[in-house]
């Protein structure tokens, strides 16, 4: 019973936030909201949390880039880590943000920004370049790093207490963790002499490798949800196509391709998927609900072939960016279901 009470309490809180925290336009039929940081020519929204807070990067001249967090109400706060570019990539449900910063020394460092604005930088052991990719609700972060050998890329996991553990699947030359779920399971892909493979790393450190359902040698795993479903895409040999997939926790693949190049970028806990689809490169966004009926979308007011859908929350709200004028007015967007 306590679990049901918790669920319905969360549902009431979510409904309240839909009404007063900036999501009410969706209920009134306004499907898209575009936004720019004041003075920005480019605002690249990268990640959205359950409450609708968005993080990403922006620039007023092309370099450097700075970080931002946009609250569901529409209020935007900007921030920077060091003197170079700041690139936030993921925000969790508490509003904690991770990403990387490139200061004047040229080395790339990871950072975590607390909801109160406190920033902590960090590096994986022996790292010259640390690139966090995702943070879960507990504050556990995953990503990749390079040491002295720039040709070898390793994975890492950083726990909320600051402890960092590095890892690689067997025979990996390039390990790329991309997502971590609430249970601490990490998903990503890695390269060996035989091609690129997907992997899961459980909370205890066990690594499970997997490959696409057809001969490929190329797979990109981009997201994992709480049930262990993963998403991404693979390229069948000699076709030139990218085909999207959802892989369930039992290892069963469901493939889909609403366009010639289908590249999912995220999956929520309901199994809804978002990403990009088109010709070369992918040119518009898509939303695939858990029932499997994909819909391609374009942000109104943006030029054709410019919508990039990058993140989806558990309410089915998608964020990303598009272009009103290439290189001069590139806003972030929020798409409501």
Protein backbone atom coordinates (compact mmCIF):
# COMPACT_ATOMS: atom_id res chain seq x y z
CA UNK A 1 0.00 0.00 0.00
CA UNK A 2 2.79 2.43 0.83
CA UNK A 3 4.11 2.08 -2.71
CA UNK A 4 0.73 2.98 -4.16
CA UNK A 5 0.43 5.97 -1.85
CA UNK A 6 3.84 7.16 -2.95
CA UNK A 7 2.87 6.79 -6.60
CA UNK A 8 -0.38 8.69 -6.26
CA UNK A 9 1.31 11.39 -4.17
CA UNK A 10 3.87 11.83 -6.94
CA UNK A 11 1.07 11.91 -9.50
CA UNK A 12 -0.71 14.71 -7.55
CA UNK A 13 2.55 16.67 -7.23
CA UNK A 14 3.22 16.19 -10.94
CA UNK A 15 -0.28 17.35 -11.85
CA UNK A 16 0.13 20.42 -9.64
CA UNK A 17 3.44 21.23 -11.31
CA UNK A 18 1.88 20.82 -14.74
CA UNK A 19 -0.61 23.49 -13.78
CA UNK A 20 1.65 26.06 -12.14
CA UNK A 21 5.27 25.36 -13.11
CA UNK A 22 5.25 26.33 -16.74
CA UNK A 23 3.79 23.18 -18.29
CA UNK A 24 0.25 24.56 -18.48
CA UNK A 25 0.69 25.57 -22.18
CA UNK A 26 0.63 21.86 -23.07
CA UNK A 27 -2.75 21.47 -21.42
CA UNK A 28 -4.06 24.42 -23.40
CA UNK A 29 -2.88 23.00 -26.70
CA UNK A 30 0.44 24.83 -27.02
CA UNK A 31 2.70 21.95 -27.99
CA UNK A 32 6.06 23.72 -28.34
CA UNK A 33 7.91 26.40 -26.42
CA UNK A 34 11.16 27.81 -27.81
CA UNK A 35 13.58 29.85 -25.71
CA UNK A 36 16.92 31.59 -25.82
CA UNK A 37 19.28 32.73 -23.11
CA UNK A 38 19.26 36.53 -23.21
CA UNK A 39 21.89 37.68 -25.71
CA UNK A 40 22.58 34.18 -27.04
CA UNK A 41 22.85 33.32 -30.71
CA UNK A 42 22.85 29.59 -29.88
CA UNK A 43 21.04 27.88 -27.00
CA UNK A 44 21.54 24.11 -27.04
CA UNK A 45 19.18 22.35 -24.64
CA UNK A 46 20.61 18.95 -23.76
CA UNK A 47 18.67 17.36 -20.89
CA UNK A 48 15.30 17.62 -19.11
CA UNK A 49 14.27 16.24 -15.73
CA UNK A 50 10.91 14.97 -14.47
CA UNK A 51 9.75 18.42 -13.31
CA UNK A 52 10.66 20.04 -16.63
CA UNK A 53 13.92 21.78 -15.70
CA UNK A 54 16.28 21.92 -18.69
CA UNK A 55 20.04 22.30 -18.86
CA UNK A 56 22.42 22.89 -21.72
CA UNK A 57 24.91 25.37 -23.14
CA UNK A 58 24.77 28.73 -24.90
CA UNK A 59 27.02 31.27 -26.60
CA UNK A 60 26.71 34.87 -27.75
CA UNK A 61 29.60 34.72 -30.21
CA UNK A 62 30.39 31.10 -31.04
CA UNK A 63 33.01 30.76 -28.27
CA UNK A 64 33.17 30.28 -25.37
CA UNK A 65 30.05 28.36 -24.35
CA UNK A 66 28.39 28.82 -20.98
CA UNK A 67 25.98 26.69 -18.99
CA UNK A 68 22.32 27.35 -18.23
CA UNK A 69 19.45 25.85 -16.31
CA UNK A 70 15.88 26.74 -17.28
CA UNK A 71 13.25 26.20 -14.62
CA UNK A 72 9.77 24.93 -15.58
CA UNK A 73 8.49 28.47 -14.96
CA UNK A 74 10.77 29.72 -17.76
CA UNK A 75 13.33 31.41 -15.49
CA UNK A 76 16.87 30.90 -16.83
CA UNK A 77 20.03 30.96 -14.74
CA UNK A 78 23.42 30.97 -16.46
CA UNK A 79 26.69 29.75 -15.03
CA UNK A 80 30.26 28.96 -16.00
CA UNK A 81 32.95 26.66 -14.68
CA UNK A 82 36.37 28.22 -15.06
CA UNK A 83 37.47 30.57 -17.83
CA UNK A 84 36.82 28.42 -20.89
CA UNK A 85 33.73 26.67 -22.20
CA UNK A 86 31.16 25.01 -19.93
CA UNK A 87 29.10 22.15 -21.40
CA UNK A 88 26.30 20.76 -19.18
CA UNK A 89 24.94 17.46 -20.49
CA UNK A 90 22.60 15.97 -17.88
CA UNK A 91 20.25 17.10 -15.08
CA UNK A 92 18.62 14.83 -12.51
CA UNK A 93 15.25 15.16 -10.80
CA UNK A 94 16.77 17.14 -7.91
CA UNK A 95 18.26 19.71 -10.28
CA UNK A 96 21.86 18.51 -9.95
CA UNK A 97 23.76 18.97 -13.22
CA UNK A 98 26.83 17.29 -14.66
CA UNK A 99 28.93 17.99 -17.71
CA UNK A 100 32.43 19.08 -18.60
CA UNK A 101 34.47 22.26 -18.70
CA UNK A 102 37.46 23.20 -20.85
CA UNK A 103 39.52 25.84 -19.01
CA UNK A 104 42.53 27.76 -20.22
CA UNK A 105 44.92 24.85 -19.50
CA UNK A 106 43.27 22.89 -22.33
CA UNK A 107 42.50 19.82 -20.23
CA UNK A 108 38.85 18.81 -19.95
CA UNK A 109 37.43 18.36 -16.45
CA UNK A 110 34.15 16.96 -15.22
CA UNK A 111 31.89 19.00 -12.97
CA UNK A 112 28.81 18.57 -10.85
CA UNK A 113 26.62 21.57 -10.02
CA UNK A 114 24.33 21.31 -7.00
CA UNK A 115 20.84 22.88 -7.05
CA UNK A 116 22.13 25.77 -4.91
CA UNK A 117 24.73 26.58 -7.57
CA UNK A 118 27.76 25.07 -5.83
CA UNK A 119 30.13 23.59 -8.42
CA UNK A 120 32.62 20.78 -7.83
CA UNK A 121 35.12 19.81 -10.53
CA UNK A 122 36.65 16.36 -10.76
CA UNK A 123 38.86 14.13 -12.90
CA UNK A 124 38.95 10.38 -13.33
CA UNK A 125 42.20 8.85 -12.00
CA UNK A 126 45.01 9.47 -14.47
CA UNK A 127 42.75 11.47 -16.74
CA UNK A 128 43.78 14.21 -19.14
CA UNK A 129 40.21 14.54 -20.42
CA UNK A 130 37.13 13.68 -18.30
CA UNK A 131 33.72 13.83 -19.98
CA UNK A 132 30.66 13.04 -17.82
CA UNK A 133 27.61 11.96 -19.81
CA UNK A 134 24.77 11.30 -17.36
CA UNK A 135 23.67 11.62 -13.74
CA UNK A 136 20.91 9.68 -11.96
CA UNK A 137 18.59 10.72 -9.15
CA UNK A 138 21.06 9.55 -6.50
CA UNK A 139 23.77 11.79 -7.92
CA UNK A 140 25.85 8.96 -9.40
CA UNK A 141 27.61 10.06 -12.60
CA UNK A 142 29.00 8.11 -15.52
CA UNK A 143 31.07 9.09 -18.51
CA UNK A 144 34.41 8.49 -20.19
CA UNK A 145 37.99 9.72 -20.01
CA UNK A 146 41.35 9.63 -21.75
CA UNK A 147 44.72 9.16 -20.06
CA UNK A 148 48.09 9.80 -21.65
CA UNK A 149 47.17 7.57 -24.59
CA UNK A 150 44.57 9.55 -26.52
CA UNK A 151 43.70 6.46 -28.56
CA UNK A 152 42.37 4.56 -25.53
CA UNK A 153 39.09 5.70 -23.94
CA UNK A 154 37.86 4.33 -20.60
CA UNK A 155 34.59 4.45 -18.69
CA UNK A 156 34.10 5.75 -15.17
CA UNK A 157 31.47 5.94 -12.47
CA UNK A 158 31.54 8.68 -9.84
CA UNK A 159 29.55 8.08 -6.66
CA UNK A 160 27.87 10.88 -4.66
CA UNK A 161 30.68 10.75 -2.07
CA UNK A 162 33.22 11.59 -4.79
CA UNK A 163 34.71 8.10 -5.14
CA UNK A 164 35.51 7.30 -8.78
CA UNK A 165 35.81 3.80 -10.24
CA UNK A 166 37.06 3.17 -13.76
CA UNK A 167 36.02 0.26 -15.97
CA UNK A 168 36.20 -1.25 -19.44
CA UNK A 169 34.42 -4.19 -21.06
CA UNK A 170 36.79 -7.01 -22.10
CA UNK A 171 39.12 -6.10 -25.00
CA UNK A 172 37.67 -2.58 -25.23
CA UNK A 173 39.71 0.09 -26.93
CA UNK A 174 37.07 2.81 -26.70
CA UNK A 175 34.52 2.62 -23.85
CA UNK A 176 31.63 5.10 -24.05
CA UNK A 177 29.08 5.03 -21.21
CA UNK A 178 26.10 7.19 -22.16
CA UNK A 179 23.34 6.68 -19.58
CA UNK A 180 22.68 5.53 -16.00
CA UNK A 181 19.34 4.58 -14.49
CA UNK A 182 17.95 5.05 -10.99
CA UNK A 183 19.30 1.65 -9.89
CA UNK A 184 22.84 2.49 -10.96
CA UNK A 185 22.96 0.33 -14.10
CA UNK A 186 25.03 1.95 -16.84
CA UNK A 187 24.46 1.55 -20.57
CA UNK A 188 26.79 2.41 -23.41
CA UNK A 189 28.89 1.01 -26.21
CA UNK A 190 32.50 0.03 -26.79
CA UNK A 191 34.84 -0.78 -29.65
CA UNK A 192 37.13 -3.78 -30.14
CA UNK A 193 39.00 -5.20 -33.11
CA UNK A 194 35.75 -6.92 -34.17
CA UNK A 195 33.54 -3.83 -34.20
CA UNK A 196 31.31 -1.89 -31.82
CA UNK A 197 29.18 -3.58 -29.17
CA UNK A 198 26.62 -2.50 -26.60
CA UNK A 199 27.11 -3.05 -22.90
CA UNK A 200 25.39 -2.90 -19.54
CA UNK A 201 27.29 -2.47 -16.29
CA UNK A 202 25.30 -3.50 -13.21
CA UNK A 203 25.59 -1.73 -9.83
CA UNK A 204 27.92 -4.49 -8.62
CA UNK A 205 30.26 -4.03 -11.59
CA UNK A 206 29.18 -7.00 -13.74
CA UNK A 207 29.41 -6.11 -17.45
CA UNK A 208 27.12 -7.70 -20.03
CA UNK A 209 27.85 -7.21 -23.73
CA UNK A 210 25.28 -7.38 -26.52
CA UNK A 211 25.08 -6.96 -30.26
CA UNK A 212 22.30 -5.94 -32.68
CA UNK A 213 19.98 -8.58 -34.13
CA UNK A 214 21.58 -8.44 -37.61
CA UNK A 215 25.15 -8.40 -38.86
CA UNK A 216 26.43 -4.90 -38.29
CA UNK A 217 29.62 -4.21 -36.40
CA UNK A 218 28.17 -0.81 -35.51
CA UNK A 219 25.85 -0.07 -32.59
CA UNK A 220 25.25 3.03 -30.49
CA UNK A 221 23.49 2.67 -27.14
CA UNK A 222 22.22 6.03 -25.90
CA UNK A 223 19.74 5.47 -23.06
CA UNK A 224 18.52 3.15 -20.32
CA UNK A 225 15.42 3.33 -18.11
CA UNK A 226 14.60 1.96 -14.68
CA UNK A 227 13.28 -1.36 -16.05
CA UNK A 228 16.53 -2.01 -17.93
CA UNK A 229 15.20 -1.16 -21.39
CA UNK A 230 17.88 0.41 -23.56
CA UNK A 231 17.66 2.37 -26.78
CA UNK A 232 19.99 3.44 -29.54
CA UNK A 233 20.65 2.49 -33.14
CA UNK A 234 22.63 0.07 -35.30
CA UNK A 235 23.76 0.02 -38.92
CA UNK A 236 23.13 -3.18 -40.92
CA UNK A 237 26.08 -4.08 -43.10
CA UNK A 238 26.13 -2.54 -46.61
CA UNK A 239 22.81 -0.69 -46.20
CA UNK A 240 23.96 2.74 -45.04
CA UNK A 241 20.88 2.88 -42.79
CA UNK A 242 20.68 3.57 -39.09
CA UNK A 243 17.88 1.58 -37.47
CA UNK A 244 16.54 2.46 -34.04
CA UNK A 245 15.93 -0.14 -31.38
CA UNK A 246 14.54 -0.79 -27.95
CA UNK A 247 16.14 -3.73 -26.14
CA UNK A 248 14.30 -5.06 -23.10
CA UNK A 249 15.90 -6.47 -19.96
CA UNK A 250 15.60 -10.03 -21.35
CA UNK A 251 17.66 -9.10 -24.38
CA UNK A 252 14.83 -8.93 -26.95
CA UNK A 253 15.30 -6.28 -29.64
CA UNK A 254 12.46 -4.29 -31.18
CA UNK A 255 13.70 -2.42 -34.24
CA UNK A 256 12.09 0.62 -35.86
CA UNK A 257 13.02 3.12 -38.55
CA UNK A 258 10.67 6.02 -39.31
CA UNK A 259 13.41 7.40 -41.56
CA UNK A 260 16.51 6.31 -43.45
CA UNK A 261 18.73 7.39 -40.56
CA UNK A 262 17.00 6.83 -37.22
CA UNK A 263 19.01 7.82 -34.15
CA UNK A 264 17.25 7.55 -30.76
CA UNK A 265 18.79 9.74 -28.07
CA UNK A 266 16.81 8.86 -24.94
CA UNK A 267 14.21 6.63 -23.31
CA UNK A 268 12.04 7.35 -20.28
CA UNK A 269 10.79 5.00 -17.58
CA UNK A 270 7.54 4.42 -19.49
CA UNK A 271 9.47 3.21 -22.53
CA UNK A 272 8.84 6.30 -24.69
CA UNK A 273 11.75 7.14 -26.98
CA UNK A 274 12.88 10.35 -28.65
CA UNK A 275 15.62 11.10 -31.12
CA UNK A 276 16.39 12.30 -34.61
CA UNK A 277 15.46 11.01 -38.03
CA UNK A 278 16.13 12.00 -41.62
CA UNK A 279 18.54 11.42 -44.46
CA UNK A 280 22.11 12.63 -43.95
CA UNK A 281 22.48 13.76 -41.23
CA UNK A 282 19.23 13.15 -39.28
CA UNK A 283 17.16 16.26 -39.74
CA UNK A 284 14.02 16.23 -37.60
CA UNK A 285 12.86 14.96 -34.23
CA UNK A 286 10.76 11.92 -33.52
CA UNK A 287 8.70 10.65 -30.61
CA UNK A 288 7.99 6.95 -30.26
CA UNK A 289 5.58 6.08 -27.43
CA UNK A 290 5.86 2.71 -25.72
CA UNK A 291 3.08 1.38 -27.96
CA UNK A 292 5.47 1.69 -30.87
CA UNK A 293 3.78 4.21 -33.20
CA UNK A 294 6.50 6.74 -34.15
CA UNK A 295 5.72 10.35 -35.05
CA UNK A 296 8.25 12.64 -36.75
CA UNK A 297 8.04 16.29 -35.67
CA UNK A 298 9.41 19.69 -36.57
CA UNK A 299 9.49 22.69 -34.24
CA UNK A 300 7.20 25.42 -35.66
CA UNK A 301 9.03 28.62 -36.54
CA UNK A 302 12.33 26.84 -37.14
CA UNK A 303 13.76 26.23 -40.59
CA UNK A 304 13.13 22.82 -42.15
CA UNK A 305 15.57 20.05 -41.33
CA UNK A 306 16.88 21.65 -38.14
CA UNK A 307 15.11 19.96 -35.20
CA UNK A 308 17.38 18.02 -32.83
CA UNK A 309 15.54 16.09 -30.09
CA UNK A 310 17.97 15.11 -27.33
CA UNK A 311 16.19 14.21 -24.10
CA UNK A 312 12.81 13.00 -22.82
CA UNK A 313 11.43 12.96 -19.28
CA UNK A 314 8.96 10.57 -17.66
CA UNK A 315 6.00 12.75 -18.66
CA UNK A 316 6.94 12.47 -22.33
CA UNK A 317 8.23 16.05 -22.53
CA UNK A 318 11.11 16.39 -25.01
CA UNK A 319 13.85 19.00 -25.19
CA UNK A 320 16.49 19.86 -27.76
CA UNK A 321 17.24 22.69 -30.16
CA UNK A 322 16.49 23.91 -33.67
CA UNK A 323 17.39 26.86 -35.92
CA UNK A 324 15.35 29.93 -36.80
CA UNK A 325 18.40 31.30 -38.63
CA UNK A 326 21.42 29.03 -38.82
CA UNK A 327 24.32 30.37 -36.75
CA UNK A 328 22.39 33.48 -35.69
CA UNK A 329 19.25 32.34 -33.90
CA UNK A 330 19.33 28.77 -32.61
CA UNK A 331 16.89 28.39 -29.70
CA UNK A 332 16.25 25.54 -27.34
CA UNK A 333 12.79 24.00 -27.32
CA UNK A 334 10.45 22.05 -25.09
CA UNK A 335 7.88 19.79 -26.77
CA UNK A 336 4.89 18.74 -24.71
CA UNK A 337 3.05 15.47 -25.41
